[in-house]
Amino acid sequence: MNSVPRVAIVILNWNGRKYLEQFLPSVTASTCANLEVVVADNASTDDSVIFLQQHYPQVRIIRLEKNFGFAKGYNLALKEVSADYYAILNSDVEVEAGWLQPMVTLLQQHTEIAACQPKILSYHNRKMFEYAGAAGGWLDKYGYPFAKGRVFDICEEDKGQYDQCEPVFWASGAALFIRASVFHEQKGFDEYFFAHQEEIDLCWRIQLAGYKIYSCPAAVVYHVGGGTLPKGNSLKTFLNFRNNRIMLSKNLPLSKKLWVMPVRNLLDAISAWKGLLSGDGGYFIAVIRAQVAFIKWWLFHKRKSVFPITTRKPLTGYLDKNIAWLHFVKKKLFFTEIVNKTK
């Protein structure tokens, strides 16, 4: 491997001129040798491309012919980017100048680590962890994602409690640092997902192939969150529930799939009815639509998805418990309460 590896920061943009204007200054100020900054534009209808051409001529622009979503958009763009490491970055993220180097050093020194993420704090409240990844993602036995510093909707204050560089289950797509070779070896993101949880699926497949995923809290970024699909959006709810079910079906071994999937059906139904009874009919409809869409995928579209391609390996960052029960019934609000007290 090169002593000075090539690093490419790749931002996928769709009608995000305001975020480019706000956050590109910090991105282009990143201090890392052999660095290229790329914006892949998902056929924006605003003036994003014109803005980049006028104000950031040093930034490479990849223009996609239509809005392919997060998954396919990145897959297409990264085929055109030559680098040893990709830093996949949301457009609504502010980075610290030296954010890349700790992650470069980590992966350079440990060839078994395929991907990692920085510590992700809230842009609007920099003492708090941000929802989309916090200090590294975990997964429970029924497929519910949570993170060090974020359990369901509760985000913790950053007091240095998760500053250990250690294995996790998944690294956030908001700021995913990954070996280019492994990304392409695993066929990238599952394009059927379109958006949401595609990075969890990719990290799961990467782990099953024998690599590790890490958190690297020495690197720090600040994420706005909800820039494209805000929280509570019915499409976001639909994609999260549909994609999560697809991910379980693809990556679970048959011995677990036979009982995990029916239980997850029940849990999703409970969630849907809870939403309806609390007055959120849109949430109820989105969850039911996701159930139907999963069945359609299983019957007609499985060949369009990317499945694990190598031997299954032990997983890190996996909680062999029901986090919904622990959180909502047992009132375990924070990551340390859930993980440390349930080992």
Protein backbone atom coordinates (compact mmCIF):
# COMPACT_ATOMS: atom_id res chain seq x y z
CA MET A 1 0.00 0.00 0.00
CA ASN A 2 1.25 3.52 -0.78
CA SER A 3 2.99 5.37 2.05
CA VAL A 4 0.78 8.35 1.16
CA PRO A 5 -2.60 6.83 0.26
CA ARG A 6 -5.02 8.56 -2.06
CA VAL A 7 -8.11 9.82 -0.25
CA ALA A 8 -11.27 11.08 -1.95
CA ILE A 9 -14.00 12.94 -0.08
CA VAL A 10 -17.15 12.24 -2.09
CA ILE A 11 -20.33 14.22 -1.43
CA LEU A 12 -23.58 13.19 -3.09
CA ASN A 13 -25.70 16.26 -3.75
CA TRP A 14 -29.31 16.72 -4.72
CA ASN A 15 -30.65 20.27 -4.66
CA GLY A 16 -28.33 21.05 -1.78
CA ARG A 17 -26.79 24.32 -2.87
CA LYS A 18 -27.38 25.88 0.57
CA TYR A 19 -25.49 23.05 2.26
CA LEU A 20 -22.65 23.21 -0.27
CA GLU A 21 -22.31 26.92 0.33
CA GLN A 22 -22.39 26.45 4.10
CA PHE A 23 -20.21 23.37 4.55
CA LEU A 24 -17.80 23.09 1.61
CA PRO A 25 -15.41 25.63 3.16
CA SER A 26 -14.66 23.22 6.02
CA VAL A 27 -14.45 20.23 3.65
CA THR A 28 -12.00 21.89 1.27
CA ALA A 29 -9.93 22.99 4.29
CA SER A 30 -9.41 19.34 5.30
CA THR A 31 -5.75 18.68 6.01
CA CYS A 32 -4.77 15.39 4.41
CA ALA A 33 -2.07 14.62 1.88
CA ASN A 34 -3.04 13.29 -1.55
CA LEU A 35 -6.65 14.43 -1.18
CA GLU A 36 -9.33 14.97 -3.81
CA VAL A 37 -12.76 16.50 -3.13
CA VAL A 38 -15.59 15.30 -5.38
CA VAL A 39 -19.24 16.32 -5.58
CA ALA A 40 -21.49 13.84 -7.36
CA ASP A 41 -24.65 15.64 -8.41
CA ASN A 42 -27.86 13.58 -8.56
CA ALA A 43 -29.42 15.67 -11.34
CA SER A 44 -30.18 18.68 -9.13
CA THR A 45 -32.73 21.17 -10.40
CA ASP A 46 -31.31 24.04 -8.34
CA ASP A 47 -28.10 25.95 -9.13
CA SER A 48 -25.77 23.57 -7.25
CA VAL A 49 -23.56 22.81 -10.25
CA ILE A 50 -23.28 26.44 -11.32
CA PHE A 51 -22.38 27.41 -7.76
CA LEU A 52 -19.61 24.79 -7.66
CA GLN A 53 -18.23 25.81 -11.04
CA GLN A 54 -18.10 29.46 -10.04
CA HIS A 55 -16.82 29.18 -6.47
CA TYR A 56 -15.03 25.81 -6.20
CA PRO A 57 -13.19 25.13 -9.46
CA GLN A 58 -10.82 22.82 -7.50
CA VAL A 59 -13.71 20.49 -6.66
CA ARG A 60 -14.35 17.74 -9.20
CA ILE A 61 -17.97 17.45 -10.31
CA ILE A 62 -19.55 14.17 -11.43
CA ARG A 63 -22.93 14.82 -13.03
CA LEU A 64 -25.43 11.96 -12.88
CA GLU A 65 -28.26 11.85 -15.39
CA LYS A 66 -31.08 11.60 -12.84
CA ASN A 67 -31.71 11.29 -9.11
CA PHE A 68 -30.58 7.74 -8.41
CA GLY A 69 -30.91 8.06 -4.63
CA PHE A 70 -28.14 7.58 -2.10
CA ALA A 71 -27.26 3.96 -2.88
CA LYS A 72 -27.10 3.90 -6.67
CA GLY A 73 -25.90 7.50 -6.82
CA TYR A 74 -22.81 6.64 -4.80
CA ASN A 75 -22.26 3.35 -6.63
CA LEU A 76 -22.20 5.15 -9.97
CA ALA A 77 -20.07 8.03 -8.73
CA LEU A 78 -17.47 5.89 -6.97
CA LYS A 79 -16.87 3.88 -10.14
CA GLU A 80 -15.39 7.10 -11.50
CA VAL A 81 -13.23 7.94 -8.47
CA SER A 82 -9.76 6.44 -8.17
CA ALA A 83 -8.55 6.34 -4.56
CA ASP A 84 -7.36 4.02 -1.81
CA TYR A 85 -9.96 5.34 0.61
CA TYR A 86 -13.35 6.95 0.11
CA ALA A 87 -14.69 9.41 2.65
CA ILE A 88 -18.41 9.29 1.89
CA LEU A 89 -19.81 12.49 3.37
CA ASN A 90 -23.27 14.02 3.58
CA SER A 91 -23.58 17.54 2.23
CA ASP A 92 -24.91 18.80 5.59
CA VAL A 93 -21.75 18.00 7.55
CA GLU A 94 -19.11 20.35 8.90
CA VAL A 95 -15.72 18.72 9.45
CA GLU A 96 -12.75 19.60 11.60
CA ALA A 97 -9.58 20.30 9.64
CA GLY A 98 -7.74 17.17 10.78
CA TRP A 99 -10.68 14.80 10.74
CA LEU A 100 -9.33 12.47 8.06
CA GLN A 101 -5.87 11.65 9.40
CA PRO A 102 -6.91 9.53 12.43
CA MET A 103 -9.05 7.36 10.15
CA VAL A 104 -6.31 7.06 7.50
CA THR A 105 -3.83 6.04 10.21
CA LEU A 106 -6.25 3.49 11.68
CA LEU A 107 -6.87 1.72 8.39
CA GLN A 108 -3.24 1.95 7.30
CA GLN A 109 -2.12 0.22 10.49
CA HIS A 110 -4.87 -2.42 10.60
CA THR A 111 -5.56 -4.15 7.30
CA GLU A 112 -8.43 -6.15 8.82
CA ILE A 113 -10.44 -2.93 9.32
CA ALA A 114 -12.43 -2.15 6.19
CA ALA A 115 -14.34 0.93 7.31
CA CYS A 116 -14.77 3.34 10.19
CA GLN A 117 -16.61 6.49 11.13
CA PRO A 118 -15.74 9.66 13.05
CA LYS A 119 -17.55 10.82 16.15
CA ILE A 120 -20.70 12.51 14.84
CA LEU A 121 -21.97 15.41 16.93
CA SER A 122 -24.96 17.65 16.37
CA TYR A 123 -24.25 20.76 14.32
CA HIS A 124 -26.91 22.69 16.24
CA ASN A 125 -25.78 21.51 19.69
CA ARG A 126 -22.15 20.52 19.59
CA LYS A 127 -22.15 18.94 23.02
CA MET A 128 -24.69 16.35 21.90
CA PHE A 129 -24.31 13.24 19.77
CA GLU A 130 -26.19 13.33 16.48
CA TYR A 131 -28.84 10.75 15.59
CA ALA A 132 -27.24 9.40 12.40
CA GLY A 133 -24.43 7.32 13.85
CA ALA A 134 -23.27 9.15 17.00
CA ALA A 135 -20.08 7.32 18.10
CA GLY A 136 -20.63 4.13 16.10
CA GLY A 137 -23.55 1.89 15.22
CA TRP A 138 -24.83 -1.32 16.81
CA LEU A 139 -27.65 -3.72 15.89
CA ASP A 140 -29.98 -5.78 18.06
CA LYS A 141 -31.20 -9.32 17.37
CA TYR A 142 -34.35 -8.11 15.58
CA GLY A 143 -32.55 -5.65 13.32
CA TYR A 144 -33.12 -2.43 15.25
CA PRO A 145 -30.14 -0.11 14.80
CA PHE A 146 -28.87 2.05 17.63
CA ALA A 147 -25.55 3.70 18.40
CA LYS A 148 -23.06 4.59 21.08
CA GLY A 149 -24.61 7.86 22.18
CA ARG A 150 -28.05 7.36 20.57
CA VAL A 151 -30.80 4.89 21.43
CA PHE A 152 -34.01 5.36 19.42
CA ASP A 153 -34.72 9.11 19.70
CA ILE A 154 -32.58 9.81 22.76
CA CYS A 155 -29.20 11.38 22.02
CA GLU A 156 -26.66 11.69 24.82
CA GLU A 157 -24.34 14.52 25.71
CA ASP A 158 -20.75 13.86 24.66
CA LYS A 159 -18.68 13.67 27.83
CA GLY A 160 -15.90 11.57 26.34
CA GLN A 161 -17.66 8.38 27.41
CA TYR A 162 -17.34 6.85 23.93
CA ASP A 163 -13.86 8.06 22.99
CA GLN A 164 -12.49 4.53 22.65
CA CYS A 165 -11.47 3.41 19.18
CA GLU A 166 -13.19 0.03 18.99
CA PRO A 167 -15.23 -2.33 16.80
CA VAL A 168 -18.87 -1.53 16.02
CA PHE A 169 -21.51 -3.14 13.82
CA TRP A 170 -22.00 -0.33 11.32
CA ALA A 171 -20.49 3.01 10.38
CA SER A 172 -22.78 5.89 9.49
CA GLY A 173 -23.39 6.79 5.86
CA ALA A 174 -23.30 10.44 6.93
CA ALA A 175 -19.52 10.14 7.29
CA LEU A 176 -18.28 6.73 6.17
CA PHE A 177 -14.55 6.18 5.68
CA ILE A 178 -13.99 2.97 3.72
CA ARG A 179 -11.38 1.09 1.74
CA ALA A 180 -12.18 1.53 -1.93
CA SER A 181 -11.11 -2.05 -2.67
CA VAL A 182 -13.54 -3.49 -0.13
CA PHE A 183 -16.38 -1.22 -1.25
CA HIS A 184 -16.11 -2.56 -4.79
CA GLU A 185 -15.36 -6.14 -3.71
CA GLN A 186 -18.68 -6.13 -1.84
CA LYS A 187 -20.47 -4.55 -4.84
CA GLY A 188 -21.11 -1.32 -2.98
CA PHE A 189 -24.47 -0.31 -1.62
CA ASP A 190 -27.59 -2.33 -2.40
CA GLU A 191 -29.23 -0.12 -5.01
CA TYR A 192 -32.68 -1.57 -4.32
CA PHE A 193 -32.62 0.26 -1.00
CA PHE A 194 -32.53 3.67 -2.75
CA ALA A 195 -31.86 5.40 0.59
CA HIS A 196 -31.76 4.57 4.33
CA GLN A 197 -29.94 1.71 6.05
CA GLU A 198 -27.91 0.85 2.96
CA GLU A 199 -24.75 1.54 4.97
CA ILE A 200 -25.85 -0.90 7.71
CA ASP A 201 -26.45 -3.56 5.09
CA LEU A 202 -23.04 -2.91 3.52
CA CYS A 203 -21.28 -3.05 6.89
CA TRP A 204 -23.07 -6.31 7.72
CA ARG A 205 -21.90 -7.84 4.45
CA ILE A 206 -18.38 -6.54 5.07
CA GLN A 207 -18.34 -8.20 8.51
CA LEU A 208 -19.62 -11.46 7.08
CA ALA A 209 -16.70 -11.33 4.64
CA GLY A 210 -14.28 -11.29 7.56
CA TYR A 211 -13.43 -7.59 7.92
CA LYS A 212 -14.04 -5.27 10.86
CA ILE A 213 -15.91 -1.97 11.23
CA TYR A 214 -14.62 0.58 13.75
CA SER A 215 -15.47 3.83 15.42
CA CYS A 216 -12.68 6.40 15.33
CA PRO A 217 -13.69 9.14 17.79
CA ALA A 218 -10.39 11.01 17.40
CA ALA A 219 -12.01 12.25 14.18
CA VAL A 220 -14.94 14.62 14.73
CA VAL A 221 -17.66 16.00 12.45
CA TYR A 222 -20.89 17.95 13.01
CA HIS A 223 -24.05 16.83 11.24
CA VAL A 224 -27.24 18.82 10.65
CA GLY A 225 -29.35 15.71 9.93
CA GLY A 226 -32.66 15.26 8.10
CA GLY A 227 -31.55 17.44 5.22
CA THR A 228 -33.19 15.43 2.44
CA LEU A 229 -35.97 13.55 4.22
CA PRO A 230 -36.77 15.07 7.62
CA LYS A 231 -37.77 12.98 10.61
CA GLY A 232 -41.45 12.03 10.50
CA ASN A 233 -41.55 11.95 6.71
CA SER A 234 -43.72 9.04 5.51
CA LEU A 235 -41.30 8.11 2.73
CA LYS A 236 -38.47 7.95 5.26
CA THR A 237 -40.56 5.71 7.52
CA PHE A 238 -41.45 3.47 4.58
CA LEU A 239 -37.84 3.12 3.41
CA ASN A 240 -36.52 2.44 6.90
CA PHE A 241 -39.03 -0.34 7.60
CA ARG A 242 -38.84 -1.89 4.12
CA ASN A 243 -35.06 -1.79 3.88
CA ASN A 244 -34.55 -3.11 7.39
CA ARG A 245 -36.69 -6.15 6.64
CA ILE A 246 -34.85 -6.75 3.37
CA MET A 247 -31.53 -6.46 5.18
CA LEU A 248 -32.55 -9.09 7.75
CA SER A 249 -33.77 -11.44 5.04
CA LYS A 250 -30.52 -11.13 3.12
CA ASN A 251 -27.95 -11.34 5.89
CA LEU A 252 -29.38 -13.52 8.66
CA PRO A 253 -28.50 -17.23 8.59
CA LEU A 254 -31.51 -19.45 7.92
CA SER A 255 -31.52 -20.78 11.48
CA LYS A 256 -32.17 -17.27 12.81
CA LYS A 257 -34.26 -16.02 9.93
CA LEU A 258 -36.98 -18.60 10.56
CA TRP A 259 -37.85 -17.11 13.95
CA VAL A 260 -36.49 -13.56 13.84
CA MET A 261 -38.57 -12.53 10.82
CA PRO A 262 -41.97 -13.56 12.29
CA VAL A 263 -41.15 -11.77 15.55
CA ARG A 264 -40.10 -8.70 13.61
CA ASN A 265 -43.44 -8.84 11.73
CA LEU A 266 -45.24 -8.72 15.08
CA LEU A 267 -43.08 -5.87 16.39
CA ASP A 268 -43.66 -3.82 13.24
CA ALA A 269 -47.42 -4.41 13.51
CA ILE A 270 -47.37 -3.24 17.13
CA SER A 271 -45.44 -0.15 16.11
CA ALA A 272 -47.90 0.59 13.30
CA TRP A 273 -50.96 0.29 15.55
CA LYS A 274 -49.27 2.36 18.25
CA GLY A 275 -48.76 5.08 15.67
CA LEU A 276 -52.37 4.92 14.50
CA LEU A 277 -53.79 5.02 18.03
CA SER A 278 -51.62 8.03 18.83
CA GLY A 279 -53.09 9.86 15.83
CA ASP A 280 -50.30 9.33 13.29
CA GLY A 281 -52.15 7.72 10.41
CA GLY A 282 -49.31 8.47 8.01
CA TYR A 283 -46.92 6.39 10.08
CA PHE A 284 -49.40 3.49 10.19
CA ILE A 285 -49.83 3.52 6.41
CA ALA A 286 -46.06 3.78 5.81
CA VAL A 287 -45.33 0.72 7.97
CA ILE A 288 -48.08 -1.33 6.29
CA ARG A 289 -46.80 -0.26 2.86
CA ALA A 290 -43.32 -1.37 3.90
CA GLN A 291 -44.65 -4.80 4.88
CA VAL A 292 -46.31 -5.19 1.48
CA ALA A 293 -43.20 -3.89 -0.33
CA PHE A 294 -41.01 -6.41 1.49
CA ILE A 295 -43.27 -9.27 0.37
CA LYS A 296 -43.09 -7.98 -3.22
CA TRP A 297 -39.31 -7.80 -2.99
CA TRP A 298 -39.12 -11.35 -1.67
CA LEU A 299 -41.43 -12.68 -4.39
CA PHE A 300 -40.27 -10.69 -7.41
CA HIS A 301 -37.18 -8.54 -6.89
CA LYS A 302 -34.61 -10.42 -4.79
CA ARG A 303 -32.27 -10.76 -7.74
CA LYS A 304 -31.91 -6.98 -7.81
CA SER A 305 -30.30 -6.96 -4.36
CA VAL A 306 -26.71 -7.61 -3.26
CA PHE A 307 -26.29 -10.63 -1.00
CA PRO A 308 -23.29 -11.66 1.15
CA ILE A 309 -20.74 -13.27 -1.14
CA THR A 310 -18.34 -14.97 1.30
CA THR A 311 -18.21 -17.08 4.45
CA ARG A 312 -20.16 -15.84 7.46
CA LYS A 313 -17.99 -14.56 10.30
CA PRO A 314 -18.69 -13.60 13.95
CA LEU A 315 -20.22 -10.14 14.29
CA THR A 316 -19.11 -7.28 16.51
CA GLY A 317 -21.44 -4.54 17.73
CA TYR A 318 -24.31 -7.03 17.89
CA LEU A 319 -26.72 -7.10 20.85
CA ASP A 320 -28.39 -10.47 21.34
CA LYS A 321 -31.37 -8.81 23.04
CA ASN A 322 -34.51 -6.88 22.11
CA ILE A 323 -33.53 -3.23 22.46
CA ALA A 324 -37.16 -2.07 22.14
CA TRP A 325 -38.06 -4.06 25.25
CA LEU A 326 -35.03 -2.83 27.15
CA HIS A 327 -35.58 0.79 26.17
CA PHE A 328 -39.34 1.26 26.27
CA VAL A 329 -40.35 -1.29 28.93
CA LYS A 330 -37.27 -1.64 31.11
CA LYS A 331 -36.51 2.11 30.73
CA LYS A 332 -32.86 1.67 29.78
CA LEU A 333 -32.33 5.01 28.09
CA PHE A 334 -28.62 5.08 27.27
CA PHE A 335 -26.18 2.85 25.43
CA THR A 336 -24.07 2.05 28.50
CA GLU A 337 -27.15 0.95 30.45
CA ILE A 338 -28.23 -1.37 27.64
CA VAL A 339 -24.92 -2.92 26.67
CA ASN A 340 -23.05 -3.05 29.99
CA LYS A 341 -26.02 -4.38 31.99
CA THR A 342 -27.13 -7.00 29.50
CA LYS A 343 -23.87 -8.79 28.73
